[in-house]
Amino acid sequence: MNKQTPNFYNNKDLIYDEIWNLLSRGVVDRSEEFRLPTVILNDGKFSDGRIVVLRGAFKDINTIRFHTDYRSDKIRILKINNNICFVFYNKKRKIQVRIKGTALINYNNEIAKKAWVKTQVISRKCYLASNPPGTISREPTSGLSKELEGKNPEINNTEIGYNNFCVIDTKINKFEWLYLASQGHRRAKISVTDNNNISSQWITP
């Protein structure tokens, strides 16, 4: 392949590994656009989307992860319907990936505890708000107390936030890949079984 045409352009067997390469980079590289996917939920009446931060990408168990406040509306929706969809896009690489799977809420368990220990103070602050996310307020508010606004507390003073912290793991069952190219787009669908068996097929962009 020439410099402008990546190896995966006509080889669908290489796409799965490229997706996981981008996901893994998204976890550790703040400049990687896959770090901030849109996640779409549906409670049976309405679809609802928002941006989350990718916190984990585990190729061996075909799972991706983000953190959220247990009091948020995301949890209410996932308890009704745990089917979940992510949309990732890297503008420079011109790659879009849609991921579908089933979500598992980890709250006050070993997975949540281990993730909390690794969570930095600046992120822990998000879980120190007195009111749940989405609470109506008469005045503009960060949700944080005046003592916390504009500064980071000592890490020992953030432990109460663990009561509001949870980890959402998504077991992936389907990827849809789209690569935009002037010579012709490429699109593929990758399905994953419970045993992590992979099958892929080209589809029309």
Protein backbone atom coordinates (compact mmCIF):
# COMPACT_ATOMS: atom_id res chain seq x y z
CA MET A 1 0.00 0.00 0.00
CA ASN A 2 1.15 3.57 -0.64
CA LYS A 3 1.53 6.20 2.05
CA GLN A 4 -1.98 7.54 1.54
CA THR A 5 -3.64 4.13 1.68
CA PRO A 6 -3.38 2.27 5.00
CA ASN A 7 -2.92 -1.49 5.11
CA PHE A 8 -6.45 -2.04 6.39
CA TYR A 9 -8.00 -0.31 3.34
CA ASN A 10 -8.60 -3.58 1.52
CA ASN A 11 -7.95 -6.03 4.35
CA LYS A 12 -10.79 -6.35 6.82
CA ASP A 13 -8.78 -8.75 8.98
CA LEU A 14 -6.59 -5.82 10.07
CA ILE A 15 -9.47 -3.55 11.11
CA TYR A 16 -10.20 -5.19 14.47
CA ASP A 17 -6.64 -4.64 15.71
CA GLU A 18 -6.64 -1.05 14.46
CA ILE A 19 -9.83 -0.32 16.39
CA TRP A 20 -8.30 -1.62 19.61
CA ASN A 21 -5.15 0.36 18.94
CA LEU A 22 -7.20 3.56 18.83
CA LEU A 23 -9.26 2.59 21.89
CA SER A 24 -6.13 1.80 23.90
CA ARG A 25 -4.58 5.12 22.91
CA GLY A 26 -7.78 6.89 23.93
CA VAL A 27 -7.39 5.65 27.50
CA VAL A 28 -3.87 7.00 28.00
CA ASP A 29 -3.49 9.83 25.48
CA ARG A 30 -5.46 13.00 26.20
CA SER A 31 -4.92 14.21 22.61
CA GLU A 32 -6.42 11.06 21.05
CA GLU A 33 -9.94 11.85 19.84
CA PHE A 34 -11.15 8.36 20.72
CA ARG A 35 -10.77 9.44 24.36
CA LEU A 36 -14.11 11.28 24.24
CA PRO A 37 -16.81 9.14 22.62
CA THR A 38 -20.51 9.90 22.47
CA VAL A 39 -22.54 7.32 24.37
CA ILE A 40 -26.19 6.74 23.48
CA LEU A 41 -28.75 5.23 25.84
CA ASN A 42 -32.47 4.53 25.50
CA ASP A 43 -35.02 4.05 28.26
CA GLY A 44 -37.64 2.62 25.89
CA LYS A 45 -39.20 6.03 25.21
CA PHE A 46 -36.36 8.35 24.25
CA SER A 47 -32.76 8.10 23.14
CA ASP A 48 -30.26 10.24 25.04
CA GLY A 49 -26.63 10.97 24.21
CA ARG A 50 -23.68 12.52 25.97
CA ILE A 51 -19.87 12.64 25.89
CA VAL A 52 -17.94 10.42 28.31
CA VAL A 53 -14.25 9.86 29.00
CA LEU A 54 -12.91 6.47 27.95
CA ARG A 55 -11.31 4.99 31.09
CA GLY A 56 -10.56 1.44 30.04
CA ALA A 57 -10.14 -0.68 26.90
CA PHE A 58 -9.66 -4.40 27.49
CA LYS A 59 -9.18 -6.28 24.24
CA ASP A 60 -8.81 -9.68 25.94
CA ILE A 61 -12.36 -9.51 27.34
CA ASN A 62 -13.77 -7.24 24.59
CA THR A 63 -14.81 -4.57 27.08
CA ILE A 64 -14.59 -0.78 27.30
CA ARG A 65 -15.13 1.36 30.40
CA PHE A 66 -16.17 4.79 31.61
CA HIS A 67 -16.88 6.27 35.04
CA THR A 68 -20.00 8.14 36.13
CA ASP A 69 -21.95 9.40 39.12
CA TYR A 70 -24.24 6.69 40.47
CA ARG A 71 -26.92 9.34 40.99
CA SER A 72 -26.91 10.40 37.32
CA ASP A 73 -29.72 9.75 34.86
CA LYS A 74 -27.45 7.36 32.97
CA ILE A 75 -27.85 4.85 35.77
CA ARG A 76 -31.64 5.12 35.77
CA ILE A 77 -31.70 4.45 32.03
CA LEU A 78 -29.23 1.56 32.15
CA LYS A 79 -31.27 -0.15 34.86
CA ILE A 80 -34.21 -0.09 32.44
CA ASN A 81 -32.25 -0.98 29.30
CA ASN A 82 -28.58 -1.94 29.43
CA ASN A 83 -28.12 -1.91 25.66
CA ILE A 84 -25.60 0.82 24.91
CA CYS A 85 -23.99 2.41 21.85
CA PHE A 86 -20.79 4.46 21.47
CA VAL A 87 -19.69 6.66 18.59
CA PHE A 88 -15.98 7.43 18.17
CA TYR A 89 -14.39 9.66 15.53
CA ASN A 90 -10.80 10.56 14.76
CA LYS A 91 -10.77 13.54 12.42
CA LYS A 92 -7.11 13.25 11.42
CA ARG A 93 -7.33 9.55 10.60
CA LYS A 94 -10.86 9.95 9.17
CA ILE A 95 -12.05 6.92 11.09
CA GLN A 96 -15.46 6.50 12.69
CA VAL A 97 -16.25 3.53 14.90
CA ARG A 98 -19.64 2.66 16.31
CA ILE A 99 -19.74 0.15 19.14
CA LYS A 100 -22.77 -1.68 20.47
CA GLY A 101 -22.91 -3.84 23.56
CA THR A 102 -24.43 -4.46 26.97
CA ALA A 103 -23.52 -2.40 30.01
CA LEU A 104 -22.76 -3.59 33.53
CA ILE A 105 -22.97 -1.18 36.47
CA ASN A 106 -20.15 -1.66 38.97
CA TYR A 107 -21.09 0.09 42.21
CA ASN A 108 -19.37 -0.45 45.54
CA ASN A 109 -17.68 -3.62 44.34
CA GLU A 110 -14.07 -4.63 43.73
CA ILE A 111 -14.00 -3.17 40.22
CA ALA A 112 -15.28 0.19 41.48
CA LYS A 113 -12.90 0.17 44.45
CA LYS A 114 -9.84 -0.50 42.29
CA ALA A 115 -10.86 2.19 39.81
CA TRP A 116 -11.47 4.70 42.61
CA VAL A 117 -8.01 4.17 44.07
CA LYS A 118 -6.50 5.07 40.68
CA THR A 119 -8.73 8.13 40.19
CA GLN A 120 -6.95 11.46 40.53
CA VAL A 121 -8.16 14.21 42.84
CA ILE A 122 -9.23 16.46 39.99
CA SER A 123 -11.60 13.71 38.79
CA ARG A 124 -12.73 12.74 42.29
CA LYS A 125 -14.03 16.30 42.76
CA CYS A 126 -16.82 15.51 40.29
CA TYR A 127 -18.32 13.10 42.83
CA LEU A 128 -18.31 15.55 45.76
CA ALA A 129 -21.38 17.53 44.66
CA SER A 130 -24.14 17.56 47.28
CA ASN A 131 -26.95 17.28 44.74
CA PRO A 132 -27.23 14.66 41.99
CA PRO A 133 -26.29 15.66 38.43
CA GLY A 134 -29.25 17.25 36.67
CA THR A 135 -30.72 18.80 39.84
CA ILE A 136 -32.50 22.09 39.05
CA SER A 137 -30.87 25.17 40.58
CA ARG A 138 -32.03 28.79 40.79
CA GLU A 139 -28.48 30.02 40.32
CA PRO A 140 -25.56 28.92 38.12
CA THR A 141 -23.76 26.22 40.03
CA SER A 142 -20.90 23.74 39.76
CA GLY A 143 -22.62 21.60 42.36
CA LEU A 144 -19.56 21.94 44.58
CA SER A 145 -19.29 23.79 47.86
CA LYS A 146 -17.58 27.20 47.84
CA GLU A 147 -14.66 25.63 49.71
CA LEU A 148 -14.01 23.30 46.79
CA GLU A 149 -14.52 25.65 43.86
CA GLY A 150 -11.28 26.67 42.19
CA LYS A 151 -9.04 24.34 44.14
CA ASN A 152 -8.35 20.68 44.74
CA PRO A 153 -8.90 19.16 48.18
CA GLU A 154 -6.50 16.81 49.90
CA ILE A 155 -7.05 13.29 48.59
CA ASN A 156 -8.15 12.06 52.03
CA ASN A 157 -10.99 14.59 51.91
CA THR A 158 -12.36 13.10 48.70
CA GLU A 159 -13.13 9.62 50.03
CA ILE A 160 -16.78 10.51 50.64
CA GLY A 161 -17.11 10.85 46.87
CA TYR A 162 -16.75 7.09 46.51
CA ASN A 163 -20.39 6.78 47.64
CA ASN A 164 -21.39 8.46 44.35
CA PHE A 165 -18.84 6.77 42.10
CA CYS A 166 -19.44 3.86 39.75
CA VAL A 167 -17.84 2.15 36.78
CA ILE A 168 -19.72 1.22 33.63
CA ASP A 169 -18.24 -1.72 31.74
CA THR A 170 -19.59 -2.50 28.29
CA LYS A 171 -19.26 -5.98 26.84
CA ILE A 172 -19.02 -5.38 23.10
CA ASN A 173 -20.98 -7.48 20.62
CA LYS A 174 -20.67 -5.38 17.48
CA PHE A 175 -18.33 -2.86 15.83
CA GLU A 176 -19.08 -0.78 12.75
CA TRP A 177 -16.04 0.77 11.11
CA LEU A 178 -16.04 3.61 8.57
CA TYR A 179 -12.91 4.93 6.89
CA LEU A 180 -13.30 8.07 4.78
CA ALA A 181 -11.03 8.23 1.73
CA SER A 182 -11.08 10.33 -1.44
CA GLN A 183 -10.45 7.24 -3.57
CA GLY A 184 -13.46 5.53 -2.00
CA HIS A 185 -14.71 4.99 1.53
CA ARG A 186 -14.49 1.65 3.30
CA ARG A 187 -16.97 0.26 5.80
CA ALA A 188 -16.99 -3.00 7.72
CA LYS A 189 -19.05 -4.74 10.37
CA ILE A 190 -17.41 -6.89 13.04
CA SER A 191 -19.45 -9.19 15.27
CA VAL A 192 -18.20 -10.71 18.51
CA THR A 193 -19.68 -13.77 20.23
CA ASP A 194 -19.79 -14.40 23.99
CA ASN A 195 -16.69 -16.57 23.50
CA ASN A 196 -14.90 -13.65 21.81
CA ASN A 197 -15.01 -15.26 18.39
CA ILE A 198 -14.66 -12.59 15.73
CA SER A 199 -16.33 -12.42 12.33
CA SER A 200 -16.14 -9.49 9.91
CA GLN A 201 -17.69 -8.49 6.60
CA TRP A 202 -17.47 -5.57 4.23
CA ILE A 203 -20.58 -3.42 3.87
CA THR A 204 -21.39 -0.51 1.56
CA PRO A 205 -20.41 2.87 3.03
